[in-house]
Amino acid sequence: MRRMHTYYDEYDRIRGVLSEADEPLTAREILSLLGEHEEFESAHQIATVLGRWAERGEIEVLRESPYRYRLRNT
């Protein structure tokens, strides 16, 4: 039986990729590193999720072209 995707699964997977990165990553790079997880269909979807987390202070957005993301040091 397939387990339902949850917000926490999504958060944990993206957070894991960012925590292992040596430098800020673009949404496209994060999507590539996540591999074939069907809940992420595009880099735009990941950028939307990261934007929400940035509003709460969990993610830092480097507003370059393209935007890059990293975990906020707390």
C-alpha atoms as a PDB file:
ATOM      1  CA  MET A   1       0.000   0.000   0.000  1.00  0.00           C
ATOM      2  CA  ARG A   2       1.329   3.418  -0.959  1.00  0.00           C
ATOM      3  CA  ARG A   3       1.872   5.859   1.899  1.00  0.00           C
ATOM      4  CA  MET A   4       0.221   9.262   1.585  1.00  0.00           C
ATOM      5  CA  HIS A   5       2.521  12.187   0.986  1.00  0.00           C
ATOM      6  CA  THR A   6       2.547  14.712   3.812  1.00  0.00           C
ATOM      7  CA  TYR A   7       3.889  18.191   4.359  1.00  0.00           C
ATOM      8  CA  TYR A   8       6.524  16.726   6.668  1.00  0.00           C
ATOM      9  CA  ASP A   9       7.771  14.282   4.020  1.00  0.00           C
ATOM     10  CA  GLU A  10       8.093  17.178   1.582  1.00  0.00           C
ATOM     11  CA  TYR A  11       9.884  19.326   4.146  1.00  0.00           C
ATOM     12  CA  ASP A  12      12.254  16.557   5.234  1.00  0.00           C
ATOM     13  CA  ARG A  13      13.326  15.673   1.707  1.00  0.00           C
ATOM     14  CA  ILE A  14      14.016  19.258   0.623  1.00  0.00           C
ATOM     15  CA  ARG A  15      15.626  20.103   3.962  1.00  0.00           C
ATOM     16  CA  GLY A  16      17.884  17.060   3.594  1.00  0.00           C
ATOM     17  CA  VAL A  17      19.069  18.180   0.165  1.00  0.00           C
ATOM     18  CA  LEU A  18      19.743  21.717   1.400  1.00  0.00           C
ATOM     19  CA  SER A  19      21.517  20.549   4.557  1.00  0.00           C
ATOM     20  CA  GLU A  20      23.974  18.477   2.525  1.00  0.00           C
ATOM     21  CA  ALA A  21      24.700  21.211  -0.011  1.00  0.00           C
ATOM     22  CA  ASP A  22      27.984  23.097   0.175  1.00  0.00           C
ATOM     23  CA  GLU A  23      26.410  26.165  -1.425  1.00  0.00           C
ATOM     24  CA  PRO A  24      22.944  27.631  -2.056  1.00  0.00           C
ATOM     25  CA  LEU A  25      20.963  25.696  -4.681  1.00  0.00           C
ATOM     26  CA  THR A  26      18.416  26.659  -7.316  1.00  0.00           C
ATOM     27  CA  ALA A  27      14.992  25.010  -7.319  1.00  0.00           C
ATOM     28  CA  ARG A  28      16.007  23.107 -10.481  1.00  0.00           C
ATOM     29  CA  GLU A  29      19.137  21.768  -8.751  1.00  0.00           C
ATOM     30  CA  ILE A  30      17.064  20.689  -5.746  1.00  0.00           C
ATOM     31  CA  LEU A  31      14.568  18.919  -8.030  1.00  0.00           C
ATOM     32  CA  SER A  32      17.423  17.106  -9.752  1.00  0.00           C
ATOM     33  CA  LEU A  33      18.949  15.999  -6.442  1.00  0.00           C
ATOM     34  CA  LEU A  34      15.588  14.783  -5.137  1.00  0.00           C
ATOM     35  CA  GLY A  35      15.333  12.354  -8.026  1.00  0.00           C
ATOM     36  CA  GLU A  36      12.086  10.774  -9.134  1.00  0.00           C
ATOM     37  CA  HIS A  37       9.673  11.755  -6.343  1.00  0.00           C
ATOM     38  CA  GLU A  38       6.301  12.089  -8.047  1.00  0.00           C
ATOM     39  CA  GLU A  39       4.975  14.781  -5.705  1.00  0.00           C
ATOM     40  CA  PHE A  40       7.457  17.247  -7.209  1.00  0.00           C
ATOM     41  CA  GLU A  41       6.571  17.825 -10.829  1.00  0.00           C
ATOM     42  CA  SER A  42       8.620  20.956 -11.496  1.00  0.00           C
ATOM     43  CA  ALA A  43      11.222  23.360 -10.189  1.00  0.00           C
ATOM     44  CA  HIS A  44       8.426  25.950  -9.959  1.00  0.00           C
ATOM     45  CA  GLN A  45       6.594  23.741  -7.455  1.00  0.00           C
ATOM     46  CA  ILE A  46       9.728  23.481  -5.303  1.00  0.00           C
ATOM     47  CA  ALA A  47      10.289  27.246  -5.514  1.00  0.00           C
ATOM     48  CA  THR A  48       6.709  27.794  -4.305  1.00  0.00           C
ATOM     49  CA  VAL A  49       7.279  25.519  -1.302  1.00  0.00           C
ATOM     50  CA  LEU A  50      10.585  27.228  -0.517  1.00  0.00           C
ATOM     51  CA  GLY A  51       8.933  30.648  -0.783  1.00  0.00           C
ATOM     52  CA  ARG A  52       6.394  29.646   1.885  1.00  0.00           C
ATOM     53  CA  TRP A  53       9.160  28.423   4.175  1.00  0.00           C
ATOM     54  CA  ALA A  54      11.124  31.627   3.587  1.00  0.00           C
ATOM     55  CA  GLU A  55       8.136  33.642   4.821  1.00  0.00           C
ATOM     56  CA  ARG A  56       8.376  31.721   8.099  1.00  0.00           C
ATOM     57  CA  GLY A  57      12.133  32.258   8.310  1.00  0.00           C
ATOM     58  CA  GLU A  58      13.172  28.652   7.734  1.00  0.00           C
ATOM     59  CA  ILE A  59      14.833  29.229   4.356  1.00  0.00           C
ATOM     60  CA  GLU A  60      17.005  32.055   3.095  1.00  0.00           C
ATOM     61  CA  VAL A  61      16.357  33.185  -0.479  1.00  0.00           C
ATOM     62  CA  LEU A  62      19.244  34.686  -2.422  1.00  0.00           C
ATOM     63  CA  ARG A  63      17.464  36.814  -4.988  1.00  0.00           C
ATOM     64  CA  GLU A  64      19.831  36.245  -7.860  1.00  0.00           C
ATOM     65  CA  SER A  65      18.917  35.037 -11.305  1.00  0.00           C
ATOM     66  CA  PRO A  66      17.931  32.303 -10.803  1.00  0.00           C
ATOM     67  CA  TYR A  67      16.976  32.457  -7.137  1.00  0.00           C
ATOM     68  CA  ARG A  68      19.073  30.256  -4.861  1.00  0.00           C
ATOM     69  CA  TYR A  69      18.000  28.763  -1.555  1.00  0.00           C
ATOM     70  CA  ARG A  70      19.726  27.651   1.639  1.00  0.00           C
ATOM     71  CA  LEU A  71      18.723  26.773   5.153  1.00  0.00           C
ATOM     72  CA  ARG A  72      18.701  29.745   7.476  1.00  0.00           C
ATOM     73  CA  ASN A  73      21.332  29.466  10.188  1.00  0.00           C
ATOM     74  CA  THR A  74      19.557  29.400  13.503  1.00  0.00           C
END
